[in-house]
N, C-alpha and C. Protein backbone atom coordinates (compact mmCIF):
# COMPACT_ATOMS: atom_id res chain seq x y z
N MET A 1 151.10 151.03 66.45
CA MET A 1 152.37 151.05 67.15
C MET A 1 152.22 150.31 68.48
N SER A 2 153.15 149.49 68.83
CA SER A 2 153.04 148.67 70.04
C SER A 2 153.54 149.38 71.29
N GLY A 3 154.17 150.53 71.17
CA GLY A 3 154.67 151.26 72.34
C GLY A 3 156.06 150.85 72.77
N GLU A 4 156.68 149.93 72.02
CA GLU A 4 158.05 149.50 72.37
C GLU A 4 159.05 150.39 71.67
N ALA A 5 160.10 150.75 72.39
CA ALA A 5 161.16 151.57 71.80
C ALA A 5 162.26 150.66 71.27
N GLY A 6 162.96 151.12 70.26
CA GLY A 6 164.10 150.37 69.75
C GLY A 6 163.78 149.63 68.46
N ALA A 7 164.69 148.79 68.03
CA ALA A 7 164.54 148.06 66.78
C ALA A 7 163.49 146.97 66.92
N ALA A 8 162.87 146.65 65.82
CA ALA A 8 161.84 145.61 65.83
C ALA A 8 162.46 144.28 66.23
N GLY A 9 161.84 143.59 67.13
CA GLY A 9 162.32 142.29 67.57
C GLY A 9 163.41 142.35 68.62
N ALA A 10 163.86 143.53 69.00
CA ALA A 10 164.91 143.66 70.00
C ALA A 10 164.34 143.42 71.38
N ARG A 11 165.06 142.68 72.17
CA ARG A 11 164.62 142.41 73.54
C ARG A 11 165.23 143.43 74.49
N PRO A 12 164.48 143.84 75.50
CA PRO A 12 165.04 144.80 76.46
C PRO A 12 166.23 144.20 77.21
N VAL A 13 167.16 145.05 77.55
CA VAL A 13 168.36 144.63 78.26
C VAL A 13 168.33 145.25 79.65
N GLY A 14 168.56 144.45 80.66
CA GLY A 14 168.59 144.97 82.02
C GLY A 14 169.91 145.67 82.31
N VAL A 15 169.84 146.67 83.15
CA VAL A 15 171.03 147.42 83.55
C VAL A 15 171.13 147.39 85.05
N ARG A 16 172.33 147.18 85.55
CA ARG A 16 172.54 147.14 87.00
C ARG A 16 173.56 148.21 87.36
N PHE A 17 173.23 149.02 88.35
CA PHE A 17 174.12 150.08 88.81
C PHE A 17 174.65 149.72 90.19
N PHE A 18 175.90 150.04 90.44
CA PHE A 18 176.52 149.77 91.72
C PHE A 18 177.02 151.07 92.33
N ALA A 19 176.89 151.19 93.61
CA ALA A 19 177.44 152.34 94.31
C ALA A 19 178.93 152.10 94.54
N VAL A 20 179.71 153.13 94.34
CA VAL A 20 181.15 153.02 94.51
C VAL A 20 181.60 154.09 95.50
N ASP A 21 182.38 153.68 96.48
CA ASP A 21 182.93 154.65 97.41
C ASP A 21 183.99 155.48 96.69
N TYR A 22 183.91 156.77 96.87
CA TYR A 22 184.84 157.68 96.20
C TYR A 22 185.40 158.61 97.26
N ASP A 23 186.69 158.63 97.37
CA ASP A 23 187.35 159.41 98.41
C ASP A 23 187.67 160.81 97.88
N HIS A 24 186.74 161.73 98.07
CA HIS A 24 186.92 163.09 97.57
C HIS A 24 188.13 163.78 98.20
N ARG A 25 188.33 163.55 99.47
CA ARG A 25 189.45 164.20 100.16
C ARG A 25 190.80 163.77 99.59
N ALA A 26 190.91 162.48 99.27
CA ALA A 26 192.17 161.99 98.70
C ALA A 26 192.41 162.59 97.32
N VAL A 27 191.33 162.71 96.54
CA VAL A 27 191.47 163.27 95.19
C VAL A 27 191.87 164.74 95.28
N ARG A 28 191.28 165.46 96.21
CA ARG A 28 191.63 166.87 96.37
C ARG A 28 193.01 167.04 97.00
N GLY A 29 193.41 166.09 97.84
CA GLY A 29 194.68 166.21 98.53
C GLY A 29 195.89 165.83 97.69
N ALA A 30 195.68 164.99 96.67
CA ALA A 30 196.81 164.53 95.84
C ALA A 30 197.56 165.69 95.18
N PRO A 31 196.89 166.67 94.58
CA PRO A 31 197.66 167.78 94.01
C PRO A 31 198.44 168.57 95.07
N ARG A 32 197.84 168.70 96.25
CA ARG A 32 198.53 169.44 97.31
C ARG A 32 199.80 168.72 97.74
N GLU A 33 199.77 167.39 97.73
CA GLU A 33 200.97 166.63 98.09
C GLU A 33 202.10 166.89 97.10
N GLN A 34 201.74 167.20 95.86
CA GLN A 34 202.74 167.51 94.84
C GLN A 34 203.03 169.00 94.75
N ARG A 35 202.53 169.75 95.74
CA ARG A 35 202.71 171.20 95.82
C ARG A 35 202.08 171.94 94.64
N LEU A 36 200.94 171.44 94.18
CA LEU A 36 200.19 172.10 93.12
C LEU A 36 199.04 172.87 93.73
N PRO A 37 198.53 173.88 93.04
CA PRO A 37 197.38 174.62 93.57
C PRO A 37 196.16 173.72 93.69
N PRO A 38 195.25 174.01 94.61
CA PRO A 38 194.08 173.16 94.81
C PRO A 38 193.18 173.05 93.58
N ASP A 39 193.20 174.03 92.71
CA ASP A 39 192.34 173.98 91.52
C ASP A 39 193.06 173.37 90.31
N SER A 40 194.12 172.64 90.54
CA SER A 40 194.92 172.11 89.43
C SER A 40 194.55 170.68 89.06
N MET A 41 193.27 170.33 89.14
CA MET A 41 192.85 169.00 88.72
C MET A 41 193.16 168.79 87.25
N TYR A 42 193.02 169.85 86.48
CA TYR A 42 193.39 169.83 85.06
C TYR A 42 194.45 170.89 84.86
N VAL A 43 195.58 170.50 84.34
CA VAL A 43 196.66 171.44 84.11
C VAL A 43 196.72 171.71 82.61
N ARG A 44 196.59 172.96 82.25
CA ARG A 44 196.61 173.35 80.85
C ARG A 44 197.99 173.05 80.25
N PRO A 45 198.02 172.56 79.00
CA PRO A 45 199.32 172.30 78.37
C PRO A 45 200.12 173.58 78.22
N GLY A 46 201.41 173.46 78.30
CA GLY A 46 202.28 174.62 78.15
C GLY A 46 202.32 175.14 76.72
N THR A 47 203.02 176.23 76.54
CA THR A 47 203.11 176.87 75.23
C THR A 47 203.75 175.95 74.21
N LEU A 48 204.79 175.25 74.60
CA LEU A 48 205.48 174.35 73.68
C LEU A 48 204.58 173.19 73.24
N ALA A 49 203.85 172.62 74.18
CA ALA A 49 202.94 171.51 73.85
C ALA A 49 201.82 171.98 72.92
N ALA A 50 201.30 173.18 73.17
CA ALA A 50 200.24 173.72 72.31
C ALA A 50 200.77 173.96 70.90
N ALA A 51 202.00 174.47 70.78
CA ALA A 51 202.60 174.71 69.46
C ALA A 51 202.82 173.39 68.72
N ARG A 52 203.30 172.39 69.42
CA ARG A 52 203.49 171.06 68.80
C ARG A 52 202.17 170.51 68.28
N ARG A 53 201.11 170.64 69.07
CA ARG A 53 199.80 170.13 68.67
C ARG A 53 199.30 170.85 67.41
N ARG A 54 199.47 172.16 67.37
CA ARG A 54 199.04 172.91 66.19
C ARG A 54 199.84 172.52 64.94
N LEU A 55 201.13 172.35 65.11
CA LEU A 55 201.95 171.93 63.97
C LEU A 55 201.58 170.53 63.49
N ARG A 56 201.25 169.66 64.42
CA ARG A 56 200.85 168.30 64.07
C ARG A 56 199.53 168.31 63.29
N ARG A 57 198.63 169.24 63.61
CA ARG A 57 197.33 169.31 62.94
C ARG A 57 197.36 170.11 61.65
N LEU A 58 198.43 170.86 61.41
CA LEU A 58 198.51 171.75 60.25
C LEU A 58 198.31 171.03 58.91
N PRO A 59 198.97 169.92 58.63
CA PRO A 59 198.76 169.26 57.32
C PRO A 59 197.30 168.87 57.08
N ARG A 60 196.63 168.38 58.10
CA ARG A 60 195.22 168.00 57.96
C ARG A 60 194.36 169.24 57.69
N TYR A 61 194.67 170.34 58.36
CA TYR A 61 193.92 171.57 58.17
C TYR A 61 194.12 172.11 56.75
N LEU A 62 195.38 172.10 56.29
CA LEU A 62 195.67 172.59 54.93
C LEU A 62 194.99 171.73 53.87
N ALA A 63 194.99 170.42 54.07
CA ALA A 63 194.32 169.53 53.12
C ALA A 63 192.82 169.81 53.08
N ALA A 64 192.23 170.05 54.23
CA ALA A 64 190.80 170.36 54.28
C ALA A 64 190.52 171.71 53.64
N ALA A 65 191.43 172.67 53.81
CA ALA A 65 191.25 173.98 53.22
C ALA A 65 191.33 173.91 51.70
N ARG A 66 192.21 173.07 51.18
CA ARG A 66 192.32 172.90 49.73
C ARG A 66 191.07 172.28 49.13
N SER A 67 190.47 171.34 49.87
CA SER A 67 189.28 170.66 49.37
C SER A 67 188.02 171.51 49.55
N GLY A 68 188.13 172.61 50.30
CA GLY A 68 187.00 173.50 50.47
C GLY A 68 186.08 173.16 51.63
N SER A 69 186.49 172.27 52.52
CA SER A 69 185.62 171.88 53.63
C SER A 69 185.83 172.75 54.87
N VAL A 70 186.80 173.65 54.85
CA VAL A 70 187.03 174.55 55.98
C VAL A 70 186.27 175.85 55.69
N THR A 71 185.48 176.28 56.65
CA THR A 71 184.70 177.51 56.43
C THR A 71 185.38 178.70 57.07
C-alpha cells in the first residue's frame, strides 16, 4: 500500500478557506425588529402547514405500506 487515500491515480486537490465577517448582532436583532421573540431564529410551522405536509406525504406512505417497506 502506498499510503495514499482515495481512488487510484487520483491527484490531491487543494482547498482554500476564507474568513468571512459575520454580524451576529444584526442576525440576532432582525427578529426583534419584526417584534418576534429572540429565540425565533426558526419558527415552527403552524398546525395548518403541518396538516398540509402530512396530507401531501400520505399517498407515498400508503404506497410504501402496501409494498411492505414500512415497518
